[in-house]
Amino acid sequence: MRDMDMMCSLVPLSRRPEDDVPAVHRSCWTLPLDASSTCLARRFVRAALRDWCGDGDREAAEVAELLVSELVANAMRHGRGSPLLTLLLLRDDTLRCEVEDEARVPVRARGTAPRDDAAQREEEGGRGLLIVDTLSRAWGVLPTRRGKAVWFELPMNA
């Protein structure tokens, strides 16, 4: 298992796309501040990946939709301002998804707090970032001018 404290730091674990690998495709959407945002985000991801990759890698597209849902739901629940969803398909066939909001608070996955008592383990919510950690190649949090962006990367067979 990855070191979750390191994963949740405000230091990127992977390169920024603009550092060394130019994007083949890039799309950004500002999502509304209502419950429809998660559904809209999944639709945007599905449509972008269909345009960029065809129907070749359905499993990766489904994982991307799930993980974007988790990040958008977190931004809606814990962030501030309208979430900004950015998708980048990089030349090395890596999909990078970022969800940015205006909150500057650090993001932590469940179970990484100093105390993980029985009451916390019984709570219904708070496991979205553990899903992101499990299913993505890498993920992290970056400070931005607006606040922060939570990102993940997935390999794609474009």
Protein backbone atom coordinates (compact mmCIF):
# COMPACT_ATOMS: atom_id res chain seq x y z
CA MET A 1 0.00 0.00 0.00
CA ARG A 2 1.23 3.51 -0.77
CA ASP A 3 2.19 5.90 1.98
CA MET A 4 -1.09 7.81 2.24
CA ASP A 5 0.43 10.76 4.11
CA MET A 6 2.81 11.28 1.23
CA MET A 7 0.00 10.85 -1.29
CA CYS A 8 -2.05 13.58 0.36
CA SER A 9 0.67 16.17 0.59
CA LEU A 10 0.52 19.37 -1.40
CA VAL A 11 3.52 18.24 -3.45
CA PRO A 12 2.81 16.55 -6.78
CA LEU A 13 3.86 12.92 -6.92
CA SER A 14 3.94 12.84 -10.67
CA ARG A 15 5.03 15.34 -13.25
CA ARG A 16 2.78 18.20 -14.20
CA PRO A 17 1.69 17.58 -17.79
CA GLU A 18 3.18 20.84 -18.98
CA ASP A 19 6.59 19.95 -17.50
CA ASP A 20 7.73 17.35 -19.99
CA VAL A 21 4.89 15.68 -21.86
CA PRO A 22 2.65 17.83 -24.04
CA ALA A 23 -1.05 17.07 -24.00
CA VAL A 24 -2.61 15.54 -27.09
CA HIS A 25 -6.04 16.68 -25.94
CA ARG A 26 -7.21 19.09 -23.25
CA SER A 27 -10.72 19.96 -22.08
CA CYS A 28 -11.97 22.08 -19.18
CA TRP A 29 -15.44 22.55 -17.77
CA THR A 30 -16.71 24.74 -14.95
CA LEU A 31 -19.34 22.73 -13.13
CA PRO A 32 -22.44 24.22 -11.49
CA LEU A 33 -22.77 24.43 -7.72
CA ASP A 34 -25.55 21.86 -7.46
CA ALA A 35 -26.15 18.14 -7.21
CA SER A 36 -26.07 17.70 -11.00
CA SER A 37 -22.30 18.37 -11.11
CA THR A 38 -21.27 14.77 -10.47
CA CYS A 39 -23.52 13.46 -13.25
CA LEU A 40 -22.37 16.20 -15.64
CA ALA A 41 -18.72 15.45 -14.88
CA ARG A 42 -19.23 11.76 -15.72
CA ARG A 43 -20.91 12.75 -19.01
CA PHE A 44 -18.07 15.13 -19.90
CA VAL A 45 -15.47 12.43 -19.21
CA ARG A 46 -17.39 9.83 -21.21
CA ALA A 47 -17.83 12.15 -24.21
CA ALA A 48 -14.21 13.40 -24.17
CA LEU A 49 -12.74 9.91 -23.96
CA ARG A 50 -15.06 8.63 -26.71
CA ASP A 51 -13.90 11.51 -28.95
CA TRP A 52 -10.23 11.03 -28.10
CA CYS A 53 -9.94 7.23 -27.81
CA GLY A 54 -13.04 5.75 -29.43
CA ASP A 55 -14.49 2.75 -27.64
CA GLY A 56 -11.11 1.03 -27.29
CA ASP A 57 -10.54 1.23 -23.56
CA ARG A 58 -13.96 1.04 -21.93
CA GLU A 59 -12.67 -0.24 -18.61
CA ALA A 60 -10.29 2.71 -18.17
CA ALA A 61 -13.07 5.09 -19.21
CA GLU A 62 -15.39 3.62 -16.56
CA VAL A 63 -12.68 3.93 -13.90
CA ALA A 64 -12.08 7.55 -14.97
CA GLU A 65 -15.80 8.30 -14.62
CA LEU A 66 -15.90 6.76 -11.14
CA LEU A 67 -12.82 8.61 -9.93
CA VAL A 68 -13.97 11.95 -11.37
CA SER A 69 -17.29 11.41 -9.56
CA GLU A 70 -15.42 11.00 -6.28
CA LEU A 71 -13.31 14.13 -6.79
CA VAL A 72 -16.27 16.28 -7.86
CA ALA A 73 -18.37 15.04 -4.93
CA ASN A 74 -15.52 15.94 -2.56
CA ALA A 75 -15.17 19.39 -4.13
CA MET A 76 -18.91 19.98 -3.79
CA ARG A 77 -18.99 18.79 -0.17
CA HIS A 78 -15.71 20.15 1.21
CA GLY A 79 -14.52 22.80 -1.28
CA ARG A 80 -15.63 26.29 -2.15
CA GLY A 81 -16.74 27.79 -5.43
CA SER A 82 -17.66 26.09 -8.68
CA PRO A 83 -15.44 23.07 -9.38
CA LEU A 84 -13.30 23.21 -12.50
CA LEU A 85 -12.79 19.83 -14.20
CA THR A 86 -9.78 19.49 -16.49
CA LEU A 87 -8.97 16.41 -18.59
CA LEU A 88 -5.64 15.95 -20.33
CA LEU A 89 -4.74 13.05 -22.57
CA LEU A 90 -0.96 13.07 -22.68
CA ARG A 91 1.28 11.83 -25.48
CA ASP A 92 2.29 8.82 -23.39
CA ASP A 93 -1.38 7.69 -23.32
CA THR A 94 -1.89 8.83 -19.74
CA LEU A 95 -5.18 10.43 -18.79
CA ARG A 96 -4.79 13.12 -16.16
CA CYS A 97 -7.94 14.44 -14.48
CA GLU A 98 -7.95 17.44 -12.15
CA VAL A 99 -10.79 18.89 -10.10
CA GLU A 100 -10.01 22.36 -8.81
CA ASP A 101 -11.91 24.39 -6.23
CA GLU A 102 -11.31 27.54 -4.17
CA ALA A 103 -10.58 25.87 -0.82
CA ARG A 104 -6.98 25.78 0.31
CA VAL A 105 -7.37 23.10 2.97
CA PRO A 106 -5.26 19.95 2.63
CA VAL A 107 -6.98 16.78 1.47
CA ARG A 108 -6.59 13.56 3.45
CA ALA A 109 -7.87 10.07 2.78
CA ARG A 110 -9.69 8.24 5.56
CA GLY A 111 -7.38 6.35 7.85
CA THR A 112 -4.47 8.78 7.53
CA ALA A 113 -5.38 10.94 10.50
CA PRO A 114 -3.24 10.41 13.60
CA ARG A 115 -6.18 8.57 15.20
CA ASP A 116 -8.35 6.12 13.29
CA ASP A 117 -10.75 5.04 16.02
CA ALA A 118 -13.69 2.64 15.75
CA ALA A 119 -16.25 5.45 15.35
CA GLN A 120 -14.41 6.82 12.33
CA ARG A 121 -14.20 3.34 10.75
CA GLU A 122 -17.98 2.96 11.09
CA GLU A 123 -18.86 6.23 9.31
CA GLU A 124 -20.61 5.89 5.97
CA GLY A 125 -18.66 8.50 3.99
CA GLY A 126 -15.07 9.49 3.51
CA ARG A 127 -13.67 6.60 1.51
CA GLY A 128 -13.60 8.25 -1.92
CA LEU A 129 -9.91 9.09 -1.85
CA LEU A 130 -9.08 5.52 -0.86
CA ILE A 131 -10.89 4.44 -4.03
CA VAL A 132 -8.88 7.00 -6.01
CA ASP A 133 -5.67 5.70 -4.41
CA THR A 134 -6.53 2.10 -5.20
CA LEU A 135 -7.64 2.54 -8.83
CA SER A 136 -5.34 5.28 -10.14
CA ARG A 137 -1.70 5.11 -11.21
CA ALA A 138 -0.97 8.18 -9.07
CA TRP A 139 -2.86 11.02 -7.42
CA GLY A 140 -2.22 14.07 -5.33
CA VAL A 141 -3.09 17.64 -4.51
CA LEU A 142 -1.60 20.77 -6.05
CA PRO A 143 -1.92 24.33 -4.81
CA THR A 144 -3.37 26.63 -7.48
CA ARG A 145 -4.07 30.34 -7.74
CA ARG A 146 -7.75 29.59 -7.02
CA GLY A 147 -7.17 27.13 -4.17
CA LYS A 148 -6.24 23.52 -4.85
CA ALA A 149 -6.57 20.86 -7.53
CA VAL A 150 -6.95 17.19 -6.68
CA TRP A 151 -5.70 15.05 -9.58
CA PHE A 152 -5.25 11.47 -10.65
CA GLU A 153 -3.64 9.68 -13.59
CA LEU A 154 -4.73 6.54 -15.42
CA PRO A 155 -3.07 4.66 -18.27
CA MET A 156 -5.19 4.68 -21.45
CA ASN A 157 -4.97 2.57 -24.58
CA ALA A 158 -5.71 5.41 -26.96
